[in-house]
Amino acid sequence: MKQENLTEEYFMPGDWIEIANKILKERGAVLVLGAID
């Protein structure tokens, strides 16, 4: 269950969403954000 801890440390709520949005937008996978959120 260390993955959850790492995820919180590596990706902060709100900050990582912006970064992921840019990456996902390029891949056209913005829909993934809706599923995660």
PDB file of N, CA and C in Angstrom:
ATOM      1  N   MET A   1       0.844  -1.208   0.000  1.00  0.00           N
ATOM      2  CA  MET A   1       0.000   0.000   0.000  1.00  0.00           C
ATOM      3  C   MET A   1       0.877   1.255   0.000  1.00  0.00           C
ATOM      4  N   LYS A   2       2.125   1.090  -0.405  1.00  0.00           N
ATOM      5  CA  LYS A   2       3.019   2.249  -0.449  1.00  0.00           C
ATOM      6  C   LYS A   2       2.701   3.124  -1.657  1.00  0.00           C
ATOM      7  N   GLN A   3       2.044   2.544  -2.642  1.00  0.00           N
ATOM      8  CA  GLN A   3       1.722   3.315  -3.841  1.00  0.00           C
ATOM      9  C   GLN A   3       0.866   4.528  -3.478  1.00  0.00           C
ATOM     10  N   GLU A   4      -0.123   4.336  -2.616  1.00  0.00           N
ATOM     11  CA  GLU A   4      -0.998   5.452  -2.241  1.00  0.00           C
ATOM     12  C   GLU A   4      -0.187   6.568  -1.587  1.00  0.00           C
ATOM     13  N   ASN A   5       0.723   6.190  -0.704  1.00  0.00           N
ATOM     14  CA  ASN A   5       1.558   7.193  -0.039  1.00  0.00           C
ATOM     15  C   ASN A   5       2.395   7.941  -1.070  1.00  0.00           C
ATOM     16  N   LEU A   6       3.017   7.203  -1.981  1.00  0.00           N
ATOM     17  CA  LEU A   6       3.862   7.836  -2.995  1.00  0.00           C
ATOM     18  C   LEU A   6       3.034   8.781  -3.859  1.00  0.00           C
ATOM     19  N   THR A   7       1.830   8.344  -4.197  1.00  0.00           N
ATOM     20  CA  THR A   7       0.979   9.178  -5.048  1.00  0.00           C
ATOM     21  C   THR A   7       0.695  10.512  -4.373  1.00  0.00           C
ATOM     22  N   GLU A   8       0.450  10.467  -3.081  1.00  0.00           N
ATOM     23  CA  GLU A   8       0.144  11.715  -2.368  1.00  0.00           C
ATOM     24  C   GLU A   8       1.369  12.619  -2.320  1.00  0.00           C
ATOM     25  N   GLU A   9       2.541  12.013  -2.181  1.00  0.00           N
ATOM     26  CA  GLU A   9       3.765  12.818  -2.098  1.00  0.00           C
ATOM     27  C   GLU A   9       4.141  13.381  -3.467  1.00  0.00           C
ATOM     28  N   TYR A  10       4.026  12.534  -4.488  1.00  0.00           N
ATOM     29  CA  TYR A  10       4.435  12.972  -5.824  1.00  0.00           C
ATOM     30  C   TYR A  10       3.405  13.911  -6.446  1.00  0.00           C
ATOM     31  N   PHE A  11       2.129  13.594  -6.250  1.00  0.00           N
ATOM     32  CA  PHE A  11       1.070  14.408  -6.865  1.00  0.00           C
ATOM     33  C   PHE A  11       0.218  15.070  -5.784  1.00  0.00           C
ATOM     34  N   MET A  12       0.306  16.387  -5.698  1.00  0.00           N
ATOM     35  CA  MET A  12      -0.505  17.091  -4.701  1.00  0.00           C
ATOM     36  C   MET A  12      -1.873  17.408  -5.299  1.00  0.00           C
ATOM     37  N   PRO A  13      -2.930  17.354  -4.508  1.00  0.00           N
ATOM     38  CA  PRO A  13      -4.291  17.638  -4.990  1.00  0.00           C
ATOM     39  C   PRO A  13      -4.384  19.030  -5.604  1.00  0.00           C
ATOM     40  N   GLY A  14      -4.741  19.097  -6.864  1.00  0.00           N
ATOM     41  CA  GLY A  14      -4.864  20.393  -7.530  1.00  0.00           C
ATOM     42  C   GLY A  14      -3.647  20.675  -8.398  1.00  0.00           C
ATOM     43  N   ASP A  15      -2.454  20.540  -7.814  1.00  0.00           N
ATOM     44  CA  ASP A  15      -1.231  20.809  -8.580  1.00  0.00           C
ATOM     45  C   ASP A  15      -1.050  19.776  -9.678  1.00  0.00           C
ATOM     46  N   TRP A  16      -1.158  18.511  -9.308  1.00  0.00           N
ATOM     47  CA  TRP A  16      -0.919  17.450 -10.290  1.00  0.00           C
ATOM     48  C   TRP A  16      -2.013  17.448 -11.347  1.00  0.00           C
ATOM     49  N   ILE A  17      -3.197  17.936 -10.980  1.00  0.00           N
ATOM     50  CA  ILE A  17      -4.298  17.962 -11.956  1.00  0.00           C
ATOM     51  C   ILE A  17      -3.936  18.892 -13.112  1.00  0.00           C
ATOM     52  N   GLU A  18      -3.332  20.019 -12.778  1.00  0.00           N
ATOM     53  CA  GLU A  18      -2.941  20.960 -13.842  1.00  0.00           C
ATOM     54  C   GLU A  18      -1.911  20.335 -14.761  1.00  0.00           C
ATOM     55  N   ILE A  19      -0.910  19.687 -14.176  1.00  0.00           N
ATOM     56  CA  ILE A  19       0.137  19.051 -14.987  1.00  0.00           C
ATOM     57  C   ILE A  19      -0.464  17.923 -15.819  1.00  0.00           C
ATOM     58  N   ALA A  20      -1.271  17.103 -15.170  1.00  0.00           N
ATOM     59  CA  ALA A  20      -1.886  15.971 -15.876  1.00  0.00           C
ATOM     60  C   ALA A  20      -2.790  16.489 -16.986  1.00  0.00           C
ATOM     61  N   ASN A  21      -3.481  17.581 -16.738  1.00  0.00           N
ATOM     62  CA  ASN A  21      -4.379  18.145 -17.743  1.00  0.00           C
ATOM     63  C   ASN A  21      -3.600  18.475 -19.007  1.00  0.00           C
ATOM     64  N   LYS A  22      -2.426  19.080 -18.846  1.00  0.00           N
ATOM     65  CA  LYS A  22      -1.608  19.440 -20.017  1.00  0.00           C
ATOM     66  C   LYS A  22      -1.186  18.189 -20.770  1.00  0.00           C
ATOM     67  N   ILE A  23      -0.697  17.190 -20.030  1.00  0.00           N
ATOM     68  CA  ILE A  23      -0.230  15.960 -20.680  1.00  0.00           C
ATOM     69  C   ILE A  23      -1.401  15.232 -21.335  1.00  0.00           C
ATOM     70  N   LEU A  24      -2.500  15.113 -20.595  1.00  0.00           N
ATOM     71  CA  LEU A  24      -3.654  14.381 -21.121  1.00  0.00           C
ATOM     72  C   LEU A  24      -4.250  15.125 -22.309  1.00  0.00           C
ATOM     73  N   LYS A  25      -4.243  16.441 -22.261  1.00  0.00           N
ATOM     74  CA  LYS A  25      -4.799  17.217 -23.377  1.00  0.00           C
ATOM     75  C   LYS A  25      -4.055  16.878 -24.658  1.00  0.00           C
ATOM     76  N   GLU A  26      -2.735  16.763 -24.559  1.00  0.00           N
ATOM     77  CA  GLU A  26      -1.943  16.443 -25.750  1.00  0.00           C
ATOM     78  C   GLU A  26      -2.326  15.068 -26.281  1.00  0.00           C
ATOM     79  N   ARG A  27      -2.671  14.159 -25.367  1.00  0.00           N
ATOM     80  CA  ARG A  27      -3.034  12.805 -25.803  1.00  0.00           C
ATOM     81  C   ARG A  27      -4.533  12.706 -26.067  1.00  0.00           C
ATOM     82  N   GLY A  28      -5.269  13.755 -25.740  1.00  0.00           N
ATOM     83  CA  GLY A  28      -6.709  13.713 -25.963  1.00  0.00           C
ATOM     84  C   GLY A  28      -7.398  12.797 -24.965  1.00  0.00           C
ATOM     85  N   ALA A  29      -6.823  12.686 -23.761  1.00  0.00           N
ATOM     86  CA  ALA A  29      -7.412  11.804 -22.746  1.00  0.00           C
ATOM     87  C   ALA A  29      -7.916  12.637 -21.576  1.00  0.00           C
ATOM     88  N   VAL A  30      -8.446  13.809 -21.876  1.00  0.00           N
ATOM     89  CA  VAL A  30      -8.942  14.680 -20.805  1.00  0.00           C
ATOM     90  C   VAL A  30     -10.080  13.992 -20.056  1.00  0.00           C
ATOM     91  N   LEU A  31     -10.763  13.089 -20.739  1.00  0.00           N
ATOM     92  CA  LEU A  31     -11.877  12.381 -20.100  1.00  0.00           C
ATOM     93  C   LEU A  31     -11.394  11.610 -18.885  1.00  0.00           C
ATOM     94  N   VAL A  32     -10.139  11.193 -18.904  1.00  0.00           N
ATOM     95  CA  VAL A  32      -9.601  10.419 -17.776  1.00  0.00           C
ATOM     96  C   VAL A  32      -9.676  11.250 -16.498  1.00  0.00           C
ATOM     97  N   LEU A  33      -9.441  12.554 -16.620  1.00  0.00           N
ATOM     98  CA  LEU A  33      -9.489  13.413 -15.428  1.00  0.00           C
ATOM     99  C   LEU A  33     -10.864  13.326 -14.784  1.00  0.00           C
ATOM    100  N   GLY A  34     -11.896  13.339 -15.592  1.00  0.00           N
ATOM    101  CA  GLY A  34     -13.254  13.261 -15.053  1.00  0.00           C
ATOM    102  C   GLY A  34     -13.456  11.976 -14.269  1.00  0.00           C
ATOM    103  N   ALA A  35     -12.898  10.877 -14.771  1.00  0.00           N
ATOM    104  CA  ALA A  35     -13.067   9.596 -14.081  1.00  0.00           C
ATOM    105  C   ALA A  35     -12.302   9.606 -12.765  1.00  0.00           C
ATOM    106  N   ILE A  36     -11.086  10.158 -12.773  1.00  0.00           N
ATOM    107  CA  ILE A  36     -10.286  10.190 -11.546  1.00  0.00           C
ATOM    108  C   ILE A  36     -10.927  11.126 -10.533  1.00  0.00           C
ATOM    109  N   ASP A  37     -11.371  12.276 -10.984  1.00  0.00           N
ATOM    110  CA  ASP A  37     -11.976  13.243 -10.078  1.00  0.00           C
ATOM    111  C   ASP A  37     -13.321  12.702  -9.651  1.00  0.00           C
TER     112      ASP A  37
END
